[in-house]
C-alpha atoms as a PDB file:
ATOM      1  CA  MET A   1      31.723  51.196 -13.709  1.00  0.00           C
ATOM      2  CA  SER A   2      30.088  53.273 -11.066  1.00  0.00           C
ATOM      3  CA  PHE A   3      32.481  55.782  -9.388  1.00  0.00           C
ATOM      4  CA  ASP A   4      30.060  54.973  -6.212  1.00  0.00           C
ATOM      5  CA  SER A   5      31.150  51.614  -5.543  1.00  0.00           C
ATOM      6  CA  ILE A   6      34.788  50.828  -6.345  1.00  0.00           C
ATOM      7  CA  GLU A   7      36.043  49.646  -3.051  1.00  0.00           C
ATOM      8  CA  ASP A   8      37.323  46.184  -3.860  1.00  0.00           C
ATOM      9  CA  GLU A   9      36.564  46.188  -7.449  1.00  0.00           C
ATOM     10  CA  VAL A  10      39.340  44.230  -9.576  1.00  0.00           C
ATOM     11  CA  ILE A  11      41.056  45.749 -12.954  1.00  0.00           C
ATOM     12  CA  VAL A  12      42.032  43.973 -15.481  1.00  0.00           C
ATOM     13  CA  LEU A  13      44.937  46.062 -17.728  1.00  0.00           C
ATOM     14  CA  THR A  14      47.123  44.920 -20.412  1.00  0.00           C
ATOM     15  CA  ASP A  15      50.859  45.793 -20.788  1.00  0.00           C
ATOM     16  CA  GLU A  16      52.604  46.399 -23.831  1.00  0.00           C
ATOM     17  CA  ASP A  17      53.963  42.983 -24.247  1.00  0.00           C
ATOM     18  CA  GLY A  18      50.171  41.401 -23.403  1.00  0.00           C
ATOM     19  CA  ARG A  19      50.334  40.178 -19.853  1.00  0.00           C
ATOM     20  CA  GLU A  20      47.161  40.729 -18.680  1.00  0.00           C
ATOM     21  CA  GLU A  21      48.123  42.196 -14.491  1.00  0.00           C
ATOM     22  CA  GLN A  22      45.238  42.262 -11.993  1.00  0.00           C
ATOM     23  CA  PHE A  23      44.754  45.193  -9.693  1.00  0.00           C
ATOM     24  CA  ILE A  24      42.350  46.460  -7.230  1.00  0.00           C
ATOM     25  CA  LEU A  25      40.451  49.553  -7.246  1.00  0.00           C
ATOM     26  CA  LEU A  26      41.375  52.093  -3.774  1.00  0.00           C
ATOM     27  CA  ASP A  27      40.175  55.079  -4.993  1.00  0.00           C
ATOM     28  CA  MET A  28      39.034  57.653  -7.885  1.00  0.00           C
ATOM     29  CA  ILE A  29      39.823  60.755  -7.511  1.00  0.00           C
ATOM     30  CA  GLU A  30      39.198  64.538  -9.868  1.00  0.00           C
ATOM     31  CA  VAL A  31      42.028  67.169 -10.090  1.00  0.00           C
ATOM     32  CA  ASP A  32      41.913  69.757 -12.097  1.00  0.00           C
ATOM     33  CA  GLY A  33      38.482  68.142 -14.309  1.00  0.00           C
ATOM     34  CA  VAL A  34      40.415  65.191 -14.719  1.00  0.00           C
ATOM     35  CA  THR A  35      39.613  61.541 -13.537  1.00  0.00           C
ATOM     36  CA  TYR A  36      42.168  59.124 -12.169  1.00  0.00           C
ATOM     37  CA  ALA A  37      42.417  55.701 -10.751  1.00  0.00           C
ATOM     38  CA  ILE A  38      43.876  54.560  -7.479  1.00  0.00           C
ATOM     39  CA  LEU A  39      45.474  51.248  -8.300  1.00  0.00           C
ATOM     40  CA  LYS A  40      47.321  48.211  -5.990  1.00  0.00           C
ATOM     41  CA  PRO A  41      48.816  45.645  -7.591  1.00  0.00           C
ATOM     42  CA  LEU A  42      46.187  42.391  -6.828  1.00  0.00           C
ATOM     43  CA  ASP A  43      49.401  39.921  -5.698  1.00  0.00           C
ATOM     44  CA  GLU A  44      50.493  42.611  -3.452  1.00  0.00           C
ATOM     45  CA  GLY A  45      47.751  40.489  -1.116  1.00  0.00           C
ATOM     46  CA  THR A  46      45.093  38.473  -1.792  1.00  0.00           C
ATOM     47  CA  PHE A  47      41.016  38.899  -2.645  1.00  0.00           C
ATOM     48  CA  ASP A  48      38.389  36.280  -2.324  1.00  0.00           C
ATOM     49  CA  GLU A  49      36.165  35.989  -5.633  1.00  0.00           C
ATOM     50  CA  GLU A  50      33.209  35.060  -3.020  1.00  0.00           C
ATOM     51  CA  SER A  51      33.043  37.496  -0.724  1.00  0.00           C
ATOM     52  CA  GLU A  52      35.109  40.416  -3.151  1.00  0.00           C
ATOM     53  CA  GLU A  53      37.158  42.082  -0.268  1.00  0.00           C
ATOM     54  CA  SER A  54      41.124  41.496  -0.243  1.00  0.00           C
ATOM     55  CA  GLU A  55      43.426  41.511   2.400  1.00  0.00           C
ATOM     56  CA  PHE A  56      46.572  43.510   1.635  1.00  0.00           C
ATOM     57  CA  ASP A  57      50.276  43.392   2.899  1.00  0.00           C
ATOM     58  CA  ASP A  58      50.187  47.014   4.825  1.00  0.00           C
ATOM     59  CA  ASP A  59      54.295  46.438   4.772  1.00  0.00           C
ATOM     60  CA  VAL A  60      53.914  47.294   0.881  1.00  0.00           C
ATOM     61  CA  GLU A  61      53.013  50.832  -0.045  1.00  0.00           C
ATOM     62  CA  GLU A  62      53.393  50.899  -3.805  1.00  0.00           C
ATOM     63  CA  VAL A  63      50.138  52.143  -6.192  1.00  0.00           C
ATOM     64  CA  PHE A  64      50.300  52.994  -9.676  1.00  0.00           C
ATOM     65  CA  VAL A  65      48.008  56.559 -10.917  1.00  0.00           C
ATOM     66  CA  TYR A  66      46.304  56.407 -13.949  1.00  0.00           C
ATOM     67  CA  ARG A  67      44.253  59.014 -15.706  1.00  0.00           C
ATOM     68  CA  VAL A  68      40.358  57.341 -16.739  1.00  0.00           C
ATOM     69  CA  GLU A  69      39.692  58.071 -20.349  1.00  0.00           C
ATOM     70  CA  VAL A  70      36.595  57.350 -22.263  1.00  0.00           C
ATOM     71  CA  ASP A  71      37.057  55.681 -25.714  1.00  0.00           C
ATOM     72  CA  GLU A  72      34.005  56.198 -28.854  1.00  0.00           C
ATOM     73  CA  ALA A  73      33.025  52.669 -27.266  1.00  0.00           C
ATOM     74  CA  GLY A  74      32.261  54.767 -24.250  1.00  0.00           C
ATOM     75  CA  GLU A  75      34.629  52.263 -22.989  1.00  0.00           C
ATOM     76  CA  GLN A  76      37.094  52.989 -19.516  1.00  0.00           C
ATOM     77  CA  GLN A  77      40.347  53.309 -20.678  1.00  0.00           C
ATOM     78  CA  TYR A  78      43.076  53.653 -17.971  1.00  0.00           C
ATOM     79  CA  VAL A  79      46.446  55.638 -19.244  1.00  0.00           C
ATOM     80  CA  GLU A  80      49.602  55.779 -17.469  1.00  0.00           C
ATOM     81  CA  ILE A  81      50.582  59.134 -16.776  1.00  0.00           C
ATOM     82  CA  GLU A  82      54.165  59.965 -18.354  1.00  0.00           C
ATOM     83  CA  ASP A  83      54.315  64.120 -17.369  1.00  0.00           C
ATOM     84  CA  ASP A  84      56.001  63.940 -13.813  1.00  0.00           C
ATOM     85  CA  GLU A  85      54.226  66.983 -13.119  1.00  0.00           C
ATOM     86  CA  GLU A  86      51.020  65.462 -13.598  1.00  0.00           C
ATOM     87  CA  PHE A  87      51.202  61.676 -11.246  1.00  0.00           C
ATOM     88  CA  GLU A  88      53.233  64.292  -8.647  1.00  0.00           C
ATOM     89  CA  LYS A  89      49.563  66.640  -8.450  1.00  0.00           C
ATOM     90  CA  VAL A  90      48.003  63.691  -8.149  1.00  0.00           C
ATOM     91  CA  ALA A  91      49.880  62.268  -6.402  1.00  0.00           C
ATOM     92  CA  GLU A  92      49.494  64.642  -3.547  1.00  0.00           C
ATOM     93  CA  ALA A  93      45.826  65.262  -3.903  1.00  0.00           C
ATOM     94  CA  TRP A  94      45.548  61.561  -3.033  1.00  0.00           C
ATOM     95  CA  GLU A  95      47.736  62.018   0.172  1.00  0.00           C
ATOM     96  CA  SER A  96      46.034  64.859   1.711  1.00  0.00           C
ATOM     97  CA  LEU A  97      42.840  62.659   0.923  1.00  0.00           C
ATOM     98  CA  GLN A  98      44.298  59.796   2.847  1.00  0.00           C
ATOM     99  CA  GLU A  99      45.183  62.185   5.204  1.00  0.00           C
ATOM    100  CA  GLU A 100      41.814  63.772   5.837  1.00  0.00           C
ATOM    101  CA  GLU A 101      40.149  60.666   6.713  1.00  0.00           C
ATOM    102  CA  PHE A 102      43.090  58.996   8.730  1.00  0.00           C
ATOM    103  CA  ASP A 103      41.946  62.552  10.157  1.00  0.00           C
ATOM    104  CA  ASP A 104      38.175  62.024  10.736  1.00  0.00           C
ATOM    105  CA  GLU A 105      39.517  58.722  11.673  1.00  0.00           C
ATOM    106  CA  GLU A 106      41.004  59.659  14.600  1.00  0.00           C
ATOM    107  CA  GLU A 107      38.281  62.481  16.062  1.00  0.00           C
END
C-alpha cells in the first residue's frame, strides 16, 4: 500500500473471533516516528467499488486508530492501540491536522 494514495482504500481487518470488518482508510499520520492508520467502519456509509468513492453519514464520528507495523514478510499489520496515552497523543495529532485542513479550506 502506498501512503501517497490512500483515498477511499478499503482495509479488511479480522478480529480475534475470526470476523472480518471492512474500513475505509481515512488518513495515515506519523507521530513520534510511528505510523498510524485512521480508519472508519465501512458500514457507517457506503462504498462503490466501481468508482471507488465512498459516502459517509456525516453524523457518525466514530473512527479507529491503529498502529501500522511491518512483519518479517514485509506485510503491513494494523495493531490495536492499548495504551491510553499513546492513543490520546495520536488522536490529538489527527484532530490538529483536521483543524488545519478545515482552516485551509475556509481561506
